[in-house]
Amino acid sequence: MSTSSALEVAIVDWDAHKEVLRAIRGEVFIEEQGVPKDIEWDNHDQQALHFLATLKGKAIGCGRRTDVVQHFFATQLSSFLHF
């Protein structure tokens, strides 16, 4: 992540960015939308393609793409707009 003033979306590694990705998803899905923790924290994160959106260097959103069933892709997007 850079300190650019522009909105940036980058593909990120789960292990390297797990803390910020979990914080955003926890607030958006579990706290705000009431998604049960056992549904949100599934076993797909290690294999998923993760995206992190930043604005002025601050994380404001994330998403992931997973192979759930053969050639079906599920995309999960969350926004964290407290900037």
Protein backbone atom coordinates (compact mmCIF):
# COMPACT_ATOMS: atom_id res chain seq x y z
CA MET A 1 0.00 0.00 0.00
CA SER A 2 1.28 3.45 -0.85
CA THR A 3 0.48 6.83 0.65
CA SER A 4 -1.05 8.09 -2.59
CA SER A 5 -4.02 10.47 -2.43
CA ALA A 6 -5.82 8.39 -5.07
CA LEU A 7 -8.08 5.44 -4.54
CA GLU A 8 -6.11 2.25 -5.09
CA VAL A 9 -7.26 -1.36 -5.28
CA ALA A 10 -4.59 -4.03 -5.08
CA ILE A 11 -4.46 -7.81 -5.02
CA VAL A 12 -2.98 -8.74 -1.66
CA ASP A 13 -1.72 -11.87 0.05
CA TRP A 14 -4.00 -13.25 2.77
CA ASP A 15 -1.19 -14.09 5.19
CA ALA A 16 0.45 -10.67 4.84
CA HIS A 17 -2.81 -8.67 5.11
CA LYS A 18 -5.00 -10.97 7.24
CA GLU A 19 -5.28 -8.50 10.11
CA VAL A 20 -6.70 -5.59 8.07
CA LEU A 21 -8.89 -7.86 5.90
CA ARG A 22 -10.41 -9.50 8.99
CA ALA A 23 -10.97 -6.10 10.65
CA ILE A 24 -12.89 -4.73 7.66
CA ARG A 25 -14.94 -7.89 7.08
CA GLY A 26 -15.65 -8.22 10.79
CA GLU A 27 -17.03 -4.70 11.04
CA VAL A 28 -19.01 -4.76 7.78
CA PHE A 29 -20.41 -8.29 7.73
CA ILE A 30 -20.49 -9.45 11.34
CA GLU A 31 -21.17 -6.19 13.20
CA GLU A 32 -23.15 -4.14 10.65
CA GLN A 33 -24.93 -6.86 8.67
CA GLY A 34 -25.26 -9.51 11.37
CA VAL A 35 -23.60 -12.33 9.44
CA PRO A 36 -22.78 -15.17 11.87
CA LYS A 37 -19.04 -15.53 12.54
CA ASP A 38 -19.00 -19.20 11.52
CA ILE A 39 -20.34 -18.25 8.08
CA GLU A 40 -18.01 -15.29 7.55
CA TRP A 41 -14.88 -17.10 8.72
CA ASP A 42 -15.09 -20.07 6.39
CA ASN A 43 -12.20 -22.16 5.11
CA HIS A 44 -11.80 -20.32 1.78
CA ASP A 45 -9.46 -17.48 2.74
CA GLN A 46 -6.15 -19.28 2.18
CA GLN A 47 -7.11 -20.08 -1.44
CA ALA A 48 -9.09 -16.90 -2.22
CA LEU A 49 -7.90 -13.97 -4.30
CA HIS A 50 -8.01 -10.96 -1.97
CA PHE A 51 -8.40 -7.29 -2.89
CA LEU A 52 -7.71 -4.31 -0.64
CA ALA A 53 -8.95 -0.80 -1.42
CA THR A 54 -7.07 2.14 0.07
CA LEU A 55 -7.58 5.89 -0.03
CA LYS A 56 -4.76 8.17 1.07
CA GLY A 57 -3.00 5.08 2.37
CA LYS A 58 -5.90 4.04 4.62
CA ALA A 59 -7.72 0.75 4.10
CA ILE A 60 -11.35 1.48 3.19
CA GLY A 61 -12.61 -1.76 1.67
CA CYS A 62 -11.81 -5.29 0.67
CA GLY A 63 -13.08 -8.16 -1.39
CA ARG A 64 -12.29 -11.75 -2.17
CA ARG A 65 -12.89 -14.14 -5.01
CA THR A 66 -13.19 -17.83 -4.25
CA ASP A 67 -13.67 -21.03 -6.22
CA VAL A 68 -16.65 -22.39 -4.34
CA VAL A 69 -18.01 -25.00 -6.73
CA GLN A 70 -16.09 -26.02 -9.85
CA HIS A 71 -16.25 -23.04 -12.21
CA PHE A 72 -18.55 -20.88 -10.10
CA PHE A 73 -16.86 -17.82 -8.60
CA ALA A 74 -18.26 -16.08 -5.56
CA THR A 75 -17.23 -12.52 -4.92
CA GLN A 76 -17.60 -10.84 -1.58
CA LEU A 77 -17.13 -7.10 -1.32
CA SER A 78 -17.15 -4.99 1.78
CA SER A 79 -16.63 -1.32 2.29
CA PHE A 80 -15.22 0.43 5.29
CA LEU A 81 -15.96 4.08 4.66
CA HIS A 82 -14.77 5.78 7.83
CA PHE A 83 -12.30 8.21 6.26
